[in-house]
Amino acid sequence: MRLNEVVYSDAVPIDGYGAGFFRVGGEVTQGAILTGAGGTSRWGGYEDREALLALVGQVDVLFVGTGAEIAHIPADLRAALEGAGIGVEVMNSPAACRTYNVLLSEGRRIALAALPV
């Protein structure tokens, strides 16, 4: 078996998550997060669309973690993001974190907005 070290470029992977928090690059953030090449910050949830629209031109795909269960995001939020040229992939937060880490290791232009489990 051949092992390769995973190297992340500009962004930091999700180290862990739990009830009400995410750990990104060793730093714990309580509540919802927005993370990508620009760093990690708290996210105000679906109403905080300005933070997501600020990603225009920086990311190709935004993963949205909906908490412990998969759920639809508001249709107007999806329309605004897709209209601005950002692809949107919605899944539960654990799956979104895993997918984000895999694509981040491939050097993709992605971001993650996630609600805690």
PDB file of N, CA and C in Angstrom:
ATOM      1  N   MET A   1       0.830  -1.157   0.000  1.00  0.00           N
ATOM      2  CA  MET A   1       0.000   0.000   0.000  1.00  0.00           C
ATOM      3  C   MET A   1       0.887   1.236   0.000  1.00  0.00           C
ATOM      4  N   ARG A   2       0.492   2.220  -0.790  1.00  0.00           N
ATOM      5  CA  ARG A   2       1.248   3.461  -0.871  1.00  0.00           C
ATOM      6  C   ARG A   2       0.453   4.553  -0.166  1.00  0.00           C
ATOM      7  N   LEU A   3       1.086   5.269   0.748  1.00  0.00           N
ATOM      8  CA  LEU A   3       0.438   6.358   1.467  1.00  0.00           C
ATOM      9  C   LEU A   3       0.983   7.678   0.968  1.00  0.00           C
ATOM     10  N   ASN A   4       0.096   8.619   0.764  1.00  0.00           N
ATOM     11  CA  ASN A   4       0.482   9.958   0.341  1.00  0.00           C
ATOM     12  C   ASN A   4       0.029  10.962   1.394  1.00  0.00           C
ATOM     13  N   GLU A   5       0.897  11.902   1.706  1.00  0.00           N
ATOM     14  CA  GLU A   5       0.521  12.957   2.634  1.00  0.00           C
ATOM     15  C   GLU A   5      -0.450  13.902   1.938  1.00  0.00           C
ATOM     16  N   VAL A   6      -1.516  14.252   2.623  1.00  0.00           N
ATOM     17  CA  VAL A   6      -2.492  15.196   2.077  1.00  0.00           C
ATOM     18  C   VAL A   6      -2.016  16.601   2.399  1.00  0.00           C
ATOM     19  N   VAL A   7      -1.922  17.432   1.375  1.00  0.00           N
ATOM     20  CA  VAL A   7      -1.500  18.812   1.547  1.00  0.00           C
ATOM     21  C   VAL A   7      -2.656  19.709   1.163  1.00  0.00           C
ATOM     22  N   TYR A   8      -3.048  20.580   2.085  1.00  0.00           N
ATOM     23  CA  TYR A   8      -4.120  21.529   1.817  1.00  0.00           C
ATOM     24  C   TYR A   8      -3.483  22.855   1.446  1.00  0.00           C
ATOM     25  N   SER A   9      -4.012  23.502   0.436  1.00  0.00           N
ATOM     26  CA  SER A   9      -3.415  24.746  -0.035  1.00  0.00           C
ATOM     27  C   SER A   9      -3.825  25.937   0.831  1.00  0.00           C
ATOM     28  N   ASP A  10      -4.794  26.694   0.410  1.00  0.00           N
ATOM     29  CA  ASP A  10      -5.151  27.933   1.091  1.00  0.00           C
ATOM     30  C   ASP A  10      -6.107  27.747   2.265  1.00  0.00           C
ATOM     31  N   ALA A  11      -6.898  26.717   2.262  1.00  0.00           N
ATOM     32  CA  ALA A  11      -7.912  26.526   3.292  1.00  0.00           C
ATOM     33  C   ALA A  11      -7.492  25.430   4.266  1.00  0.00           C
ATOM     34  N   VAL A  12      -8.215  25.351   5.356  1.00  0.00           N
ATOM     35  CA  VAL A  12      -7.916  24.401   6.424  1.00  0.00           C
ATOM     36  C   VAL A  12      -9.055  23.386   6.503  1.00  0.00           C
ATOM     37  N   PRO A  13      -8.735  22.103   6.669  1.00  0.00           N
ATOM     38  CA  PRO A  13      -9.789  21.088   6.729  1.00  0.00           C
ATOM     39  C   PRO A  13     -10.559  21.115   8.048  1.00  0.00           C
ATOM     40  N   ILE A  14     -11.706  20.481   8.040  1.00  0.00           N
ATOM     41  CA  ILE A  14     -12.508  20.301   9.244  1.00  0.00           C
ATOM     42  C   ILE A  14     -11.875  19.155  10.038  1.00  0.00           C
ATOM     43  N   ASP A  15     -11.470  19.436  11.270  1.00  0.00           N
ATOM     44  CA  ASP A  15     -10.864  18.414  12.127  1.00  0.00           C
ATOM     45  C   ASP A  15     -11.915  17.594  12.852  1.00  0.00           C
ATOM     46  N   GLY A  16     -13.039  18.213  13.164  1.00  0.00           N
ATOM     47  CA  GLY A  16     -14.068  17.506  13.910  1.00  0.00           C
ATOM     48  C   GLY A  16     -15.288  18.379  14.108  1.00  0.00           C
ATOM     49  N   TYR A  17     -16.331  17.763  14.633  1.00  0.00           N
ATOM     50  CA  TYR A  17     -17.572  18.478  14.920  1.00  0.00           C
ATOM     51  C   TYR A  17     -18.312  17.696  15.995  1.00  0.00           C
ATOM     52  N   GLY A  18     -19.226  18.362  16.637  1.00  0.00           N
ATOM     53  CA  GLY A  18     -20.021  17.716  17.675  1.00  0.00           C
ATOM     54  C   GLY A  18     -21.243  18.555  17.959  1.00  0.00           C
ATOM     55  N   ALA A  19     -21.880  18.275  19.050  1.00  0.00           N
ATOM     56  CA  ALA A  19     -23.111  18.982  19.407  1.00  0.00           C
ATOM     57  C   ALA A  19     -22.834  20.476  19.578  1.00  0.00           C
ATOM     58  N   GLY A  20     -23.183  21.247  18.570  1.00  0.00           N
ATOM     59  CA  GLY A  20     -23.070  22.699  18.649  1.00  0.00           C
ATOM     60  C   GLY A  20     -21.745  23.316  18.277  1.00  0.00           C
ATOM     61  N   PHE A  21     -20.773  22.538  17.772  1.00  0.00           N
ATOM     62  CA  PHE A  21     -19.470  23.127  17.451  1.00  0.00           C
ATOM     63  C   PHE A  21     -18.817  22.437  16.244  1.00  0.00           C
ATOM     64  N   PHE A  22     -17.826  23.141  15.692  1.00  0.00           N
ATOM     65  CA  PHE A  22     -16.941  22.607  14.654  1.00  0.00           C
ATOM     66  C   PHE A  22     -15.513  22.906  15.085  1.00  0.00           C
ATOM     67  N   ARG A  23     -14.580  22.024  14.740  1.00  0.00           N
ATOM     68  CA  ARG A  23     -13.160  22.257  14.985  1.00  0.00           C
ATOM     69  C   ARG A  23     -12.476  22.315  13.617  1.00  0.00           C
ATOM     70  N   VAL A  24     -11.919  23.476  13.310  1.00  0.00           N
ATOM     71  CA  VAL A  24     -11.276  23.714  12.016  1.00  0.00           C
ATOM     72  C   VAL A  24      -9.843  24.147  12.277  1.00  0.00           C
ATOM     73  N   GLY A  25      -8.897  23.356  11.789  1.00  0.00           N
ATOM     74  CA  GLY A  25      -7.486  23.689  12.005  1.00  0.00           C
ATOM     75  C   GLY A  25      -7.124  23.776  13.483  1.00  0.00           C
ATOM     76  N   GLY A  26      -7.773  22.965  14.301  1.00  0.00           N
ATOM     77  CA  GLY A  26      -7.488  22.952  15.727  1.00  0.00           C
ATOM     78  C   GLY A  26      -8.245  23.988  16.537  1.00  0.00           C
ATOM     79  N   GLU A  27      -8.937  24.905  15.886  1.00  0.00           N
ATOM     80  CA  GLU A  27      -9.696  25.961  16.566  1.00  0.00           C
ATOM     81  C   GLU A  27     -11.174  25.590  16.617  1.00  0.00           C
ATOM     82  N   VAL A  28     -11.768  25.667  17.797  1.00  0.00           N
ATOM     83  CA  VAL A  28     -13.179  25.341  17.970  1.00  0.00           C
ATOM     84  C   VAL A  28     -14.029  26.590  17.764  1.00  0.00           C
ATOM     85  N   THR A  29     -15.078  26.452  16.968  1.00  0.00           N
ATOM     86  CA  THR A  29     -16.051  27.515  16.749  1.00  0.00           C
ATOM     87  C   THR A  29     -17.413  26.985  17.151  1.00  0.00           C
ATOM     88  N   GLN A  30     -18.076  27.691  18.047  1.00  0.00           N
ATOM     89  CA  GLN A  30     -19.424  27.319  18.470  1.00  0.00           C
ATOM     90  C   GLN A  30     -20.425  27.816  17.438  1.00  0.00           C
ATOM     91  N   GLY A  31     -21.431  27.015  17.146  1.00  0.00           N
ATOM     92  CA  GLY A  31     -22.484  27.418  16.224  1.00  0.00           C
ATOM     93  C   GLY A  31     -22.123  27.144  14.781  1.00  0.00           C
ATOM     94  N   ALA A  32     -22.868  27.775  13.900  1.00  0.00           N
ATOM     95  CA  ALA A  32     -22.702  27.582  12.453  1.00  0.00           C
ATOM     96  C   ALA A  32     -21.407  28.241  11.979  1.00  0.00           C
ATOM     97  N   ILE A  33     -20.799  27.646  10.941  1.00  0.00           N
ATOM     98  CA  ILE A  33     -19.534  28.179  10.413  1.00  0.00           C
ATOM     99  C   ILE A  33     -19.606  28.381   8.909  1.00  0.00           C
ATOM    100  N   LEU A  34     -18.710  29.238   8.440  1.00  0.00           N
ATOM    101  CA  LEU A  34     -18.430  29.415   7.026  1.00  0.00           C
ATOM    102  C   LEU A  34     -16.924  29.326   6.904  1.00  0.00           C
ATOM    103  N   THR A  35     -16.446  28.382   6.088  1.00  0.00           N
ATOM    104  CA  THR A  35     -15.003  28.196   5.970  1.00  0.00           C
ATOM    105  C   THR A  35     -14.615  27.945   4.517  1.00  0.00           C
ATOM    106  N   GLY A  36     -13.425  28.370   4.194  1.00  0.00           N
ATOM    107  CA  GLY A  36     -12.886  28.209   2.847  1.00  0.00           C
ATOM    108  C   GLY A  36     -11.516  28.861   2.793  1.00  0.00           C
ATOM    109  N   ALA A  37     -11.086  29.227   1.597  1.00  0.00           N
ATOM    110  CA  ALA A  37      -9.751  29.809   1.417  1.00  0.00           C
ATOM    111  C   ALA A  37      -9.596  31.131   2.165  1.00  0.00           C
ATOM    112  N   GLY A  38     -10.694  31.836   2.393  1.00  0.00           N
ATOM    113  CA  GLY A  38     -10.630  33.119   3.090  1.00  0.00           C
ATOM    114  C   GLY A  38     -10.584  33.003   4.601  1.00  0.00           C
ATOM    115  N   GLY A  39     -10.615  31.782   5.127  1.00  0.00           N
ATOM    116  CA  GLY A  39     -10.582  31.578   6.568  1.00  0.00           C
ATOM    117  C   GLY A  39     -11.905  31.028   7.079  1.00  0.00           C
ATOM    118  N   THR A  40     -12.013  30.937   8.385  1.00  0.00           N
ATOM    119  CA  THR A  40     -13.202  30.396   9.031  1.00  0.00           C
ATOM    120  C   THR A  40     -13.828  31.468   9.908  1.00  0.00           C
ATOM    121  N   SER A  41     -15.147  31.572   9.830  1.00  0.00           N
ATOM    122  CA  SER A  41     -15.866  32.529  10.669  1.00  0.00           C
ATOM    123  C   SER A  41     -17.220  31.949  11.047  1.00  0.00           C
ATOM    124  N   ARG A  42     -17.847  32.580  12.019  1.00  0.00           N
ATOM    125  CA  ARG A  42     -19.208  32.196  12.362  1.00  0.00           C
ATOM    126  C   ARG A  42     -20.116  32.585  11.213  1.00  0.00           C
ATOM    127  N   TRP A  43     -21.171  31.807  11.040  1.00  0.00           N
ATOM    128  CA  TRP A  43     -22.130  32.068   9.964  1.00  0.00           C
ATOM    129  C   TRP A  43     -23.497  32.236  10.599  1.00  0.00           C
ATOM    130  N   GLY A  44     -24.254  33.188  10.136  1.00  0.00           N
ATOM    131  CA  GLY A  44     -25.558  33.492  10.711  1.00  0.00           C
ATOM    132  C   GLY A  44     -26.697  32.631  10.212  1.00  0.00           C
ATOM    133  N   GLY A  45     -26.397  31.554   9.521  1.00  0.00           N
ATOM    134  CA  GLY A  45     -27.451  30.675   9.014  1.00  0.00           C
ATOM    135  C   GLY A  45     -28.019  31.163   7.688  1.00  0.00           C
ATOM    136  N   TYR A  46     -29.154  30.607   7.316  1.00  0.00           N
ATOM    137  CA  TYR A  46     -29.728  30.872   6.001  1.00  0.00           C
ATOM    138  C   TYR A  46     -30.026  32.351   5.749  1.00  0.00           C
ATOM    139  N   GLU A  47     -30.272  33.117   6.808  1.00  0.00           N
ATOM    140  CA  GLU A  47     -30.558  34.548   6.640  1.00  0.00           C
ATOM    141  C   GLU A  47     -29.300  35.349   6.310  1.00  0.00           C
ATOM    142  N   ASP A  48     -28.135  34.774   6.560  1.00  0.00           N
ATOM    143  CA  ASP A  48     -26.860  35.464   6.335  1.00  0.00           C
ATOM    144  C   ASP A  48     -26.368  35.213   4.916  1.00  0.00           C
ATOM    145  N   ARG A  49     -27.162  35.620   3.955  1.00  0.00           N
ATOM    146  CA  ARG A  49     -26.816  35.358   2.548  1.00  0.00           C
ATOM    147  C   ARG A  49     -25.682  36.239   2.051  1.00  0.00           C
ATOM    148  N   GLU A  50     -25.490  37.416   2.653  1.00  0.00           N
ATOM    149  CA  GLU A  50     -24.414  38.318   2.207  1.00  0.00           C
ATOM    150  C   GLU A  50     -23.043  37.666   2.357  1.00  0.00           C
ATOM    151  N   ALA A  51     -22.853  36.937   3.448  1.00  0.00           N
ATOM    152  CA  ALA A  51     -21.573  36.240   3.656  1.00  0.00           C
ATOM    153  C   ALA A  51     -21.343  35.202   2.562  1.00  0.00           C
ATOM    154  N   LEU A  52     -22.414  34.544   2.140  1.00  0.00           N
ATOM    155  CA  LEU A  52     -22.292  33.530   1.090  1.00  0.00           C
ATOM    156  C   LEU A  52     -22.084  34.173  -0.276  1.00  0.00           C
ATOM    157  N   LEU A  53     -22.799  35.248  -0.548  1.00  0.00           N
ATOM    158  CA  LEU A  53     -22.651  35.925  -1.841  1.00  0.00           C
ATOM    159  C   LEU A  53     -21.289  36.609  -1.970  1.00  0.00           C
ATOM    160  N   ALA A  54     -20.619  36.869  -0.849  1.00  0.00           N
ATOM    161  CA  ALA A  54     -19.269  37.437  -0.893  1.00  0.00           C
ATOM    162  C   ALA A  54     -18.266  36.444  -1.474  1.00  0.00           C
ATOM    163  N   LEU A  55     -18.665  35.182  -1.605  1.00  0.00           N
ATOM    164  CA  LEU A  55     -17.788  34.146  -2.160  1.00  0.00           C
ATOM    165  C   LEU A  55     -17.755  34.143  -3.689  1.00  0.00           C
ATOM    166  N   VAL A  56     -18.587  34.969  -4.325  1.00  0.00           N
ATOM    167  CA  VAL A  56     -18.640  35.012  -5.789  1.00  0.00           C
ATOM    168  C   VAL A  56     -17.249  35.304  -6.350  1.00  0.00           C
ATOM    169  N   GLY A  57     -16.825  34.494  -7.297  1.00  0.00           N
ATOM    170  CA  GLY A  57     -15.519  34.634  -7.921  1.00  0.00           C
ATOM    171  C   GLY A  57     -14.401  33.919  -7.165  1.00  0.00           C
ATOM    172  N   GLN A  58     -14.676  33.509  -5.929  1.00  0.00           N
ATOM    173  CA  GLN A  58     -13.667  32.829  -5.122  1.00  0.00           C
ATOM    174  C   GLN A  58     -13.859  31.314  -5.095  1.00  0.00           C
ATOM    175  N   VAL A  59     -15.105  30.861  -5.222  1.00  0.00           N
ATOM    176  CA  VAL A  59     -15.398  29.432  -5.157  1.00  0.00           C
ATOM    177  C   VAL A  59     -16.293  29.024  -6.321  1.00  0.00           C
ATOM    178  N   ASP A  60     -16.184  27.760  -6.676  1.00  0.00           N
ATOM    179  CA  ASP A  60     -17.053  27.198  -7.701  1.00  0.00           C
ATOM    180  C   ASP A  60     -18.257  26.499  -7.087  1.00  0.00           C
ATOM    181  N   VAL A  61     -18.029  25.888  -5.908  1.00  0.00           N
ATOM    182  CA  VAL A  61     -19.095  25.128  -5.244  1.00  0.00           C
ATOM    183  C   VAL A  61     -19.107  25.466  -3.763  1.00  0.00           C
ATOM    184  N   LEU A  62     -20.312  25.660  -3.247  1.00  0.00           N
ATOM    185  CA  LEU A  62     -20.522  25.860  -1.824  1.00  0.00           C
ATOM    186  C   LEU A  62     -21.269  24.647  -1.292  1.00  0.00           C
ATOM    187  N   PHE A  63     -20.688  23.988  -0.297  1.00  0.00           N
ATOM    188  CA  PHE A  63     -21.367  22.886   0.386  1.00  0.00           C
ATOM    189  C   PHE A  63     -22.137  23.487   1.551  1.00  0.00           C
ATOM    190  N   VAL A  64     -23.394  23.134   1.653  1.00  0.00           N
ATOM    191  CA  VAL A  64     -24.221  23.616   2.750  1.00  0.00           C
ATOM    192  C   VAL A  64     -24.592  22.424   3.619  1.00  0.00           C
ATOM    193  N   GLY A  65     -24.118  22.444   4.859  1.00  0.00           N
ATOM    194  CA  GLY A  65     -24.455  21.412   5.828  1.00  0.00           C
ATOM    195  C   GLY A  65     -25.685  21.842   6.602  1.00  0.00           C
ATOM    196  N   THR A  66     -26.718  21.024   6.582  1.00  0.00           N
ATOM    197  CA  THR A  66     -28.009  21.396   7.164  1.00  0.00           C
ATOM    198  C   THR A  66     -28.209  20.872   8.581  1.00  0.00           C
ATOM    199  N   GLY A  67     -27.152  20.504   9.262  1.00  0.00           N
ATOM    200  CA  GLY A  67     -27.273  19.969  10.612  1.00  0.00           C
ATOM    201  C   GLY A  67     -27.231  18.453  10.601  1.00  0.00           C
ATOM    202  N   ALA A  68     -27.882  17.843  11.569  1.00  0.00           N
ATOM    203  CA  ALA A  68     -27.849  16.383  11.713  1.00  0.00           C
ATOM    204  C   ALA A  68     -28.601  15.664  10.590  1.00  0.00           C
ATOM    205  N   GLU A  69     -29.612  16.297  10.058  1.00  0.00           N
ATOM    206  CA  GLU A  69     -30.431  15.693   8.992  1.00  0.00           C
ATOM    207  C   GLU A  69     -30.357  16.547   7.740  1.00  0.00           C
ATOM    208  N   ILE A  70     -30.509  15.907   6.597  1.00  0.00           N
ATOM    209  CA  ILE A  70     -30.551  16.664   5.348  1.00  0.00           C
ATOM    210  C   ILE A  70     -31.896  17.384   5.256  1.00  0.00           C
ATOM    211  N   ALA A  71     -31.855  18.602   4.761  1.00  0.00           N
ATOM    212  CA  ALA A  71     -33.064  19.411   4.611  1.00  0.00           C
ATOM    213  C   ALA A  71     -32.872  20.333   3.414  1.00  0.00           C
ATOM    214  N   HIS A  72     -33.955  20.837   2.901  1.00  0.00           N
ATOM    215  CA  HIS A  72     -33.867  21.811   1.814  1.00  0.00           C
ATOM    216  C   HIS A  72     -33.454  23.165   2.380  1.00  0.00           C
ATOM    217  N   ILE A  73     -32.665  23.904   1.616  1.00  0.00           N
ATOM    218  CA  ILE A  73     -32.382  25.279   1.996  1.00  0.00           C
ATOM    219  C   ILE A  73     -33.465  26.140   1.353  1.00  0.00           C
ATOM    220  N   PRO A  74     -33.664  27.369   1.827  1.00  0.00           N
ATOM    221  CA  PRO A  74     -34.682  28.230   1.219  1.00  0.00           C
ATOM    222  C   PRO A  74     -34.441  28.381  -0.291  1.00  0.00           C
ATOM    223  N   ALA A  75     -35.513  28.266  -1.051  1.00  0.00           N
ATOM    224  CA  ALA A  75     -35.422  28.316  -2.519  1.00  0.00           C
ATOM    225  C   ALA A  75     -34.827  29.634  -2.997  1.00  0.00           C
ATOM    226  N   ASP A  76     -35.164  30.741  -2.347  1.00  0.00           N
ATOM    227  CA  ASP A  76     -34.620  32.030  -2.782  1.00  0.00           C
ATOM    228  C   ASP A  76     -33.118  32.136  -2.514  1.00  0.00           C
ATOM    229  N   LEU A  77     -32.638  31.481  -1.461  1.00  0.00           N
ATOM    230  CA  LEU A  77     -31.195  31.459  -1.191  1.00  0.00           C
ATOM    231  C   LEU A  77     -30.472  30.659  -2.263  1.00  0.00           C
ATOM    232  N   ARG A  78     -30.993  29.489  -2.588  1.00  0.00           N
ATOM    233  CA  ARG A  78     -30.390  28.672  -3.646  1.00  0.00           C
ATOM    234  C   ARG A  78     -30.378  29.438  -4.968  1.00  0.00           C
ATOM    235  N   ALA A  79     -31.488  30.088  -5.304  1.00  0.00           N
ATOM    236  CA  ALA A  79     -31.585  30.837  -6.560  1.00  0.00           C
ATOM    237  C   ALA A  79     -30.579  31.991  -6.597  1.00  0.00           C
ATOM    238  N   ALA A  80     -30.408  32.681  -5.473  1.00  0.00           N
ATOM    239  CA  ALA A  80     -29.466  33.793  -5.426  1.00  0.00           C
ATOM    240  C   ALA A  80     -28.035  33.311  -5.629  1.00  0.00           C
ATOM    241  N   LEU A  81     -27.673  32.210  -4.969  1.00  0.00           N
ATOM    242  CA  LEU A  81     -26.318  31.674  -5.102  1.00  0.00           C
ATOM    243  C   LEU A  81     -26.056  31.158  -6.507  1.00  0.00           C
ATOM    244  N   GLU A  82     -26.977  30.372  -7.029  1.00  0.00           N
ATOM    245  CA  GLU A  82     -26.790  29.834  -8.374  1.00  0.00           C
ATOM    246  C   GLU A  82     -26.826  30.943  -9.424  1.00  0.00           C
ATOM    247  N   GLY A  83     -27.664  31.951  -9.218  1.00  0.00           N
ATOM    248  CA  GLY A  83     -27.705  33.092 -10.133  1.00  0.00           C
ATOM    249  C   GLY A  83     -26.409  33.883 -10.139  1.00  0.00           C
ATOM    250  N   ALA A  84     -25.684  33.836  -9.016  1.00  0.00           N
ATOM    251  CA  ALA A  84     -24.393  34.525  -8.909  1.00  0.00           C
ATOM    252  C   ALA A  84     -23.238  33.663  -9.410  1.00  0.00           C
ATOM    253  N   GLY A  85     -23.543  32.426  -9.827  1.00  0.00           N
ATOM    254  CA  GLY A  85     -22.508  31.559 -10.388  1.00  0.00           C
ATOM    255  C   GLY A  85     -21.867  30.606  -9.400  1.00  0.00           C
ATOM    256  N   ILE A  86     -22.472  30.421  -8.240  1.00  0.00           N
ATOM    257  CA  ILE A  86     -21.941  29.495  -7.248  1.00  0.00           C
ATOM    258  C   ILE A  86     -22.792  28.230  -7.265  1.00  0.00           C
ATOM    259  N   GLY A  87     -22.156  27.094  -7.491  1.00  0.00           N
ATOM    260  CA  GLY A  87     -22.866  25.828  -7.405  1.00  0.00           C
ATOM    261  C   GLY A  87     -23.162  25.522  -5.946  1.00  0.00           C
ATOM    262  N   VAL A  88     -24.313  24.929  -5.679  1.00  0.00           N
ATOM    263  CA  VAL A  88     -24.739  24.652  -4.308  1.00  0.00           C
ATOM    264  C   VAL A  88     -24.999  23.157  -4.158  1.00  0.00           C
ATOM    265  N   GLU A  89     -24.356  22.555  -3.172  1.00  0.00           N
ATOM    266  CA  GLU A  89     -24.575  21.144  -2.844  1.00  0.00           C
ATOM    267  C   GLU A  89     -25.034  21.077  -1.392  1.00  0.00           C
ATOM    268  N   VAL A  90     -26.227  20.556  -1.180  1.00  0.00           N
ATOM    269  CA  VAL A  90     -26.818  20.501   0.151  1.00  0.00           C
ATOM    270  C   VAL A  90     -26.778  19.066   0.662  1.00  0.00           C
ATOM    271  N   MET A  91     -26.332  18.893   1.908  1.00  0.00           N
ATOM    272  CA  MET A  91     -26.298  17.577   2.550  1.00  0.00           C
ATOM    273  C   MET A  91     -26.259  17.793   4.057  1.00  0.00           C
ATOM    274  N   ASN A  92     -26.385  16.724   4.833  1.00  0.00           N
ATOM    275  CA  ASN A  92     -26.281  16.923   6.275  1.00  0.00           C
ATOM    276  C   ASN A  92     -24.846  17.366   6.604  1.00  0.00           C
ATOM    277  N   SER A  93     -24.660  17.973   7.757  1.00  0.00           N
ATOM    278  CA  SER A  93     -23.360  18.558   8.082  1.00  0.00           C
ATOM    279  C   SER A  93     -22.223  17.546   8.155  1.00  0.00           C
ATOM    280  N   PRO A  94     -22.418  16.335   8.738  1.00  0.00           N
ATOM    281  CA  PRO A  94     -21.307  15.380   8.723  1.00  0.00           C
ATOM    282  C   PRO A  94     -20.848  15.027   7.302  1.00  0.00           C
ATOM    283  N   ALA A  95     -21.782  14.789   6.397  1.00  0.00           N
ATOM    284  CA  ALA A  95     -21.424  14.470   5.013  1.00  0.00           C
ATOM    285  C   ALA A  95     -20.783  15.670   4.328  1.00  0.00           C
ATOM    286  N   ALA A  96     -21.278  16.862   4.619  1.00  0.00           N
ATOM    287  CA  ALA A  96     -20.715  18.075   4.013  1.00  0.00           C
ATOM    288  C   ALA A  96     -19.272  18.279   4.457  1.00  0.00           C
ATOM    289  N   CYS A  97     -18.986  18.017   5.737  1.00  0.00           N
ATOM    290  CA  CYS A  97     -17.611  18.155   6.241  1.00  0.00           C
ATOM    291  C   CYS A  97     -16.674  17.164   5.556  1.00  0.00           C
ATOM    292  N   ARG A  98     -17.111  15.921   5.438  1.00  0.00           N
ATOM    293  CA  ARG A  98     -16.270  14.902   4.789  1.00  0.00           C
ATOM    294  C   ARG A  98     -16.018  15.250   3.320  1.00  0.00           C
ATOM    295  N   THR A  99     -17.065  15.630   2.619  1.00  0.00           N
ATOM    296  CA  THR A  99     -16.939  15.960   1.198  1.00  0.00           C
ATOM    297  C   THR A  99     -16.041  17.182   1.015  1.00  0.00           C
ATOM    298  N   TYR A 100     -16.225  18.179   1.858  1.00  0.00           N
ATOM    299  CA  TYR A 100     -15.389  19.384   1.822  1.00  0.00           C
ATOM    300  C   TYR A 100     -13.914  19.011   1.971  1.00  0.00           C
ATOM    301  N   ASN A 101     -13.595  18.172   2.952  1.00  0.00           N
ATOM    302  CA  ASN A 101     -12.197  17.790   3.182  1.00  0.00           C
ATOM    303  C   ASN A 101     -11.603  17.055   1.984  1.00  0.00           C
ATOM    304  N   VAL A 102     -12.366  16.154   1.384  1.00  0.00           N
ATOM    305  CA  VAL A 102     -11.854  15.395   0.233  1.00  0.00           C
ATOM    306  C   VAL A 102     -11.568  16.333  -0.936  1.00  0.00           C
ATOM    307  N   LEU A 103     -12.527  17.186  -1.281  1.00  0.00           N
ATOM    308  CA  LEU A 103     -12.329  18.080  -2.429  1.00  0.00           C
ATOM    309  C   LEU A 103     -11.298  19.163  -2.132  1.00  0.00           C
ATOM    310  N   LEU A 104     -11.194  19.564  -0.875  1.00  0.00           N
ATOM    311  CA  LEU A 104     -10.163  20.524  -0.491  1.00  0.00           C
ATOM    312  C   LEU A 104      -8.782  19.935  -0.727  1.00  0.00           C
ATOM    313  N   SER A 105      -8.613  18.652  -0.419  1.00  0.00           N
ATOM    314  CA  SER A 105      -7.313  17.996  -0.618  1.00  0.00           C
ATOM    315  C   SER A 105      -6.952  17.888  -2.091  1.00  0.00           C
ATOM    316  N   GLU A 106      -7.957  17.989  -2.963  1.00  0.00           N
ATOM    317  CA  GLU A 106      -7.717  17.955  -4.408  1.00  0.00           C
ATOM    318  C   GLU A 106      -7.459  19.345  -4.982  1.00  0.00           C
ATOM    319  N   GLY A 107      -7.479  20.362  -4.122  1.00  0.00           N
ATOM    320  CA  GLY A 107      -7.197  21.720  -4.571  1.00  0.00           C
ATOM    321  C   GLY A 107      -8.373  22.413  -5.221  1.00  0.00           C
ATOM    322  N   ARG A 108      -9.584  21.957  -4.968  1.00  0.00           N
ATOM    323  CA  ARG A 108     -10.773  22.568  -5.578  1.00  0.00           C
ATOM    324  C   ARG A 108     -11.098  23.910  -4.935  1.00  0.00           C
ATOM    325  N   ARG A 109     -11.787  24.748  -5.685  1.00  0.00           N
ATOM    326  CA  ARG A 109     -12.235  26.062  -5.198  1.00  0.00           C
ATOM    327  C   ARG A 109     -13.610  25.893  -4.548  1.00  0.00           C
ATOM    328  N   ILE A 110     -13.602  25.598  -3.261  1.00  0.00           N
ATOM    329  CA  ILE A 110     -14.837  25.282  -2.562  1.00  0.00           C
ATOM    330  C   ILE A 110     -14.913  26.025  -1.236  1.00  0.00           C
ATOM    331  N   ALA A 111     -16.107  26.040  -0.667  1.00  0.00           N
ATOM    332  CA  ALA A 111     -16.326  26.584   0.670  1.00  0.00           C
ATOM    333  C   ALA A 111     -17.410  25.735   1.330  1.00  0.00           C
ATOM    334  N   LEU A 112     -17.503  25.860   2.642  1.00  0.00           N
ATOM    335  CA  LEU A 112     -18.483  25.117   3.416  1.00  0.00           C
ATOM    336  C   LEU A 112     -19.212  26.073   4.347  1.00  0.00           C
ATOM    337  N   ALA A 113     -20.526  26.054   4.289  1.00  0.00           N
ATOM    338  CA  ALA A 113     -21.383  26.753   5.253  1.00  0.00           C
ATOM    339  C   ALA A 113     -22.162  25.649   5.941  1.00  0.00           C
ATOM    340  N   ALA A 114     -22.009  25.539   7.269  1.00  0.00           N
ATOM    341  CA  ALA A 114     -22.619  24.407   7.950  1.00  0.00           C
ATOM    342  C   ALA A 114     -23.267  24.788   9.268  1.00  0.00           C
ATOM    343  N   LEU A 115     -24.447  24.220   9.478  1.00  0.00           N
ATOM    344  CA  LEU A 115     -25.146  24.317  10.742  1.00  0.00           C
ATOM    345  C   LEU A 115     -24.664  23.190  11.626  1.00  0.00           C
ATOM    346  N   PRO A 116     -24.553  23.394  12.937  1.00  0.00           N
ATOM    347  CA  PRO A 116     -24.052  22.332  13.812  1.00  0.00           C
ATOM    348  C   PRO A 116     -25.046  21.188  13.940  1.00  0.00           C
ATOM    349  N   VAL A 117     -24.522  20.028  14.329  1.00  0.00           N
ATOM    350  CA  VAL A 117     -25.376  18.855  14.562  1.00  0.00           C
ATOM    351  C   VAL A 117     -25.954  18.932  15.959  1.00  0.00           C
TER     352      VAL A 117
END
